[in-house]
Each structure stands twice: as C-alpha cells, then as structure tokens.
Amino acid sequence: MPLLSLYINNKAGGLIYHRDFASHAAELDVNEHLRLASTFNGLALILKELSPAKRSSKMELLEADSFVLQSFDTLTGLKFFVTADPDSKKLDAVLREVYELYSDFVLKNPFYETDMPIHCERFDEKLIKLAEDYQRR
C-alpha cells in the first residue's frame, strides 16, 4: 500500500511542492502537475460553496478504483494532499507528519519565503524516509 505522490498548494491554490514516491505513480509533466494541483484547489472551493455547512465544509477524501486522494488543510490556508493505492490506511496521520516536517524543515529555513516553491533538501530526505516507513507498516 504505497504512497504515490504528495502535493502542497499555497493559499492561492498554486502548487509549491510535488514529489512522486512510487514507480507506478502517474507520469505527468510539470504543466500537468500544475493543472492537477489547481484543479484540486478549484474543486475544493466548489464543494465548499455547495455545502450547506459552509464554515466547516472541506474536501478530505476522494476514492477512485485505482487510487485514493487524502487532503489536509492548514489554518493558514495551505493544502497538503497525497495520492496512494486504494487499500491505503491512515493517510490523515501521514499528512499530519508531512505538515510537521514542513514546519520543522521548511518554515524554519531562513531562506524560505512563504507561499513560494519549496526547495529544501532535508525536507525531501525526511519525506522519502516517511514514505518508506509507511510502506513497511
């Protein structure tokens, strides 16, 4: 039950980070990843508008035959979402761990500008280890 891909969108809906973890993750070019991330953000906004409980409504889980997509929204407006094999469990816990890694290695980096693309080697290393550990569970 491997993780396939991780995406992080800024509060404006722009893709600021992407990483594939599995060899069978969808092979997309850069523009397709950008389009996917912005489509996800737009879909989440539409679902929020359609919901009768507007304040607490958000898209958290999308299930398909060949993958699941789990998302996590931060209070600051960032959206983390991961795709994984359909039988994957506890993806919400994985996303919380990703958020902790983001807080520890990206936000504490003095050279990182908020809402800009993430380029942090330690963050990448920790994410790869997290994905490997998840696959062993």
Protein backbone atom coordinates (compact mmCIF):
# COMPACT_ATOMS: atom_id res chain seq x y z
CA MET A 1 0.00 0.00 0.00
CA PRO A 2 2.47 2.64 -1.11
CA LEU A 3 2.09 6.36 -1.24
CA LEU A 4 2.06 7.53 -4.83
CA SER A 5 2.51 11.32 -4.77
CA LEU A 6 2.45 14.34 -2.47
CA TYR A 7 1.33 17.84 -3.44
CA ILE A 8 1.36 21.07 -1.45
CA ASN A 9 -0.70 24.07 -2.61
CA ASN A 10 -0.29 27.58 -1.24
CA LYS A 11 -3.29 29.56 -0.06
CA ALA A 12 -3.84 30.96 -3.57
CA GLY A 13 -4.10 27.41 -4.95
CA GLY A 14 -0.70 27.35 -6.64
CA LEU A 15 1.47 24.26 -6.50
CA ILE A 16 4.54 24.89 -4.33
CA TYR A 17 5.74 21.30 -3.90
CA HIS A 18 5.35 17.93 -5.59
CA ARG A 19 7.07 14.59 -5.09
CA ASP A 20 6.37 11.12 -6.51
CA PHE A 21 7.14 8.18 -4.22
CA ALA A 22 6.21 5.13 -6.29
CA SER A 23 7.35 3.97 -9.67
CA HIS A 24 3.73 3.37 -10.70
CA ALA A 25 2.62 6.93 -9.84
CA ALA A 26 1.04 8.76 -12.77
CA GLU A 27 3.75 10.04 -15.09
CA LEU A 28 2.86 13.69 -15.60
CA ASP A 29 4.92 16.57 -16.89
CA VAL A 30 5.34 19.80 -14.93
CA ASN A 31 2.36 21.52 -16.56
CA GLU A 32 0.10 18.54 -15.82
CA HIS A 33 1.15 18.60 -12.15
CA LEU A 34 0.36 22.33 -12.01
CA ARG A 35 -3.00 21.73 -13.68
CA LEU A 36 -3.82 18.88 -11.28
CA ALA A 37 -3.00 20.99 -8.23
CA SER A 38 -5.05 23.97 -9.41
CA THR A 39 -7.95 21.68 -10.40
CA PHE A 40 -7.91 20.15 -6.92
CA ASN A 41 -7.99 23.60 -5.37
CA GLY A 42 -10.87 24.69 -7.62
CA LEU A 43 -12.83 21.53 -6.87
CA ALA A 44 -12.34 22.03 -3.13
CA LEU A 45 -13.66 25.61 -3.43
CA ILE A 46 -16.70 24.46 -5.44
CA LEU A 47 -17.51 21.75 -2.89
CA LYS A 48 -17.22 24.28 -0.08
CA GLU A 49 -19.70 26.57 -1.86
CA LEU A 50 -22.16 23.73 -2.49
CA SER A 51 -22.16 22.57 1.11
CA PRO A 52 -24.97 23.75 3.38
CA ALA A 53 -22.47 23.94 6.29
CA LYS A 54 -20.12 26.43 4.63
CA ARG A 55 -17.87 27.17 7.56
CA SER A 56 -16.68 23.63 8.30
CA SER A 57 -17.03 22.05 4.88
CA LYS A 58 -13.89 20.86 3.08
CA MET A 59 -12.83 18.07 0.77
CA GLU A 60 -10.83 15.47 2.66
CA LEU A 61 -11.07 12.17 0.79
CA LEU A 62 -11.61 11.19 -2.82
CA GLU A 63 -11.77 7.49 -3.63
CA ALA A 64 -11.36 6.00 -7.11
CA ASP A 65 -10.84 2.47 -8.38
CA SER A 66 -7.08 2.84 -8.79
CA PHE A 67 -6.13 5.38 -6.08
CA VAL A 68 -7.29 7.46 -3.13
CA LEU A 69 -6.62 11.13 -2.57
CA GLN A 70 -6.50 12.40 1.01
CA SER A 71 -6.14 16.10 1.81
CA PHE A 72 -5.27 18.17 4.84
CA ASP A 73 -5.97 21.92 5.10
CA THR A 74 -3.95 24.05 7.48
CA LEU A 75 -5.29 27.05 9.37
CA THR A 76 -3.01 29.27 7.27
CA GLY A 77 -4.62 28.09 4.02
CA LEU A 78 -2.06 25.57 2.78
CA LYS A 79 -3.46 22.39 1.28
CA PHE A 80 -1.50 19.16 1.54
CA PHE A 81 -2.76 16.21 -0.47
CA VAL A 82 -1.43 12.76 -1.10
CA THR A 83 -2.40 10.07 -3.58
CA ALA A 84 -1.99 6.43 -2.61
CA ASP A 85 -3.02 2.92 -3.55
CA PRO A 86 -6.73 2.24 -2.88
CA ASP A 87 -6.14 -0.02 0.14
CA SER A 88 -4.00 2.57 1.96
CA LYS A 89 -4.94 3.38 5.55
CA LYS A 90 -4.23 6.24 7.96
CA LEU A 91 -3.35 8.76 5.28
CA ASP A 92 -4.59 11.57 7.53
CA ALA A 93 -1.83 10.66 10.01
CA VAL A 94 0.73 10.67 7.18
CA LEU A 95 -0.39 14.16 6.15
CA ARG A 96 -0.07 15.41 9.71
CA GLU A 97 3.50 14.05 9.77
CA VAL A 98 4.20 15.80 6.46
CA TYR A 99 2.89 19.03 7.98
CA GLU A 100 5.22 18.58 10.98
CA LEU A 101 8.16 18.05 8.61
CA TYR A 102 7.10 21.15 6.67
CA SER A 103 7.01 23.14 9.91
CA ASP A 104 10.38 21.82 11.07
CA PHE A 105 12.40 21.96 7.86
CA VAL A 106 10.75 24.46 5.54
CA LEU A 107 9.28 27.16 7.76
CA LYS A 108 12.38 27.27 9.96
CA ASN A 109 14.62 27.70 6.92
CA PRO A 110 15.68 31.38 6.96
CA PHE A 111 15.92 31.42 3.15
CA TYR A 112 12.37 30.19 2.52
CA GLU A 113 9.75 32.73 1.50
CA THR A 114 6.18 31.83 2.44
CA ASP A 115 3.96 30.58 -0.42
CA MET A 116 6.92 30.19 -2.77
CA PRO A 117 8.08 26.86 -4.27
CA ILE A 118 9.80 24.62 -1.74
CA HIS A 119 13.43 23.67 -2.36
CA CYS A 120 14.72 22.06 0.84
CA GLU A 121 16.97 19.03 0.74
CA ARG A 122 16.36 17.98 4.37
CA PHE A 123 12.59 18.16 3.81
CA ASP A 124 12.96 15.93 0.73
CA GLU A 125 15.07 13.42 2.65
CA LYS A 126 12.60 13.23 5.55
CA LEU A 127 9.65 12.81 3.17
CA ILE A 128 11.34 9.93 1.36
CA LYS A 129 12.03 8.24 4.71
CA LEU A 130 8.41 8.82 5.78
CA ALA A 131 7.14 7.20 2.56
CA GLU A 132 9.49 4.22 3.00
CA ASP A 133 8.40 3.77 6.64
CA TYR A 134 4.74 3.98 5.62
CA GLN A 135 5.18 1.22 3.06
CA ARG A 136 6.68 -1.07 5.71
CA ARG A 137 3.65 -0.69 8.03
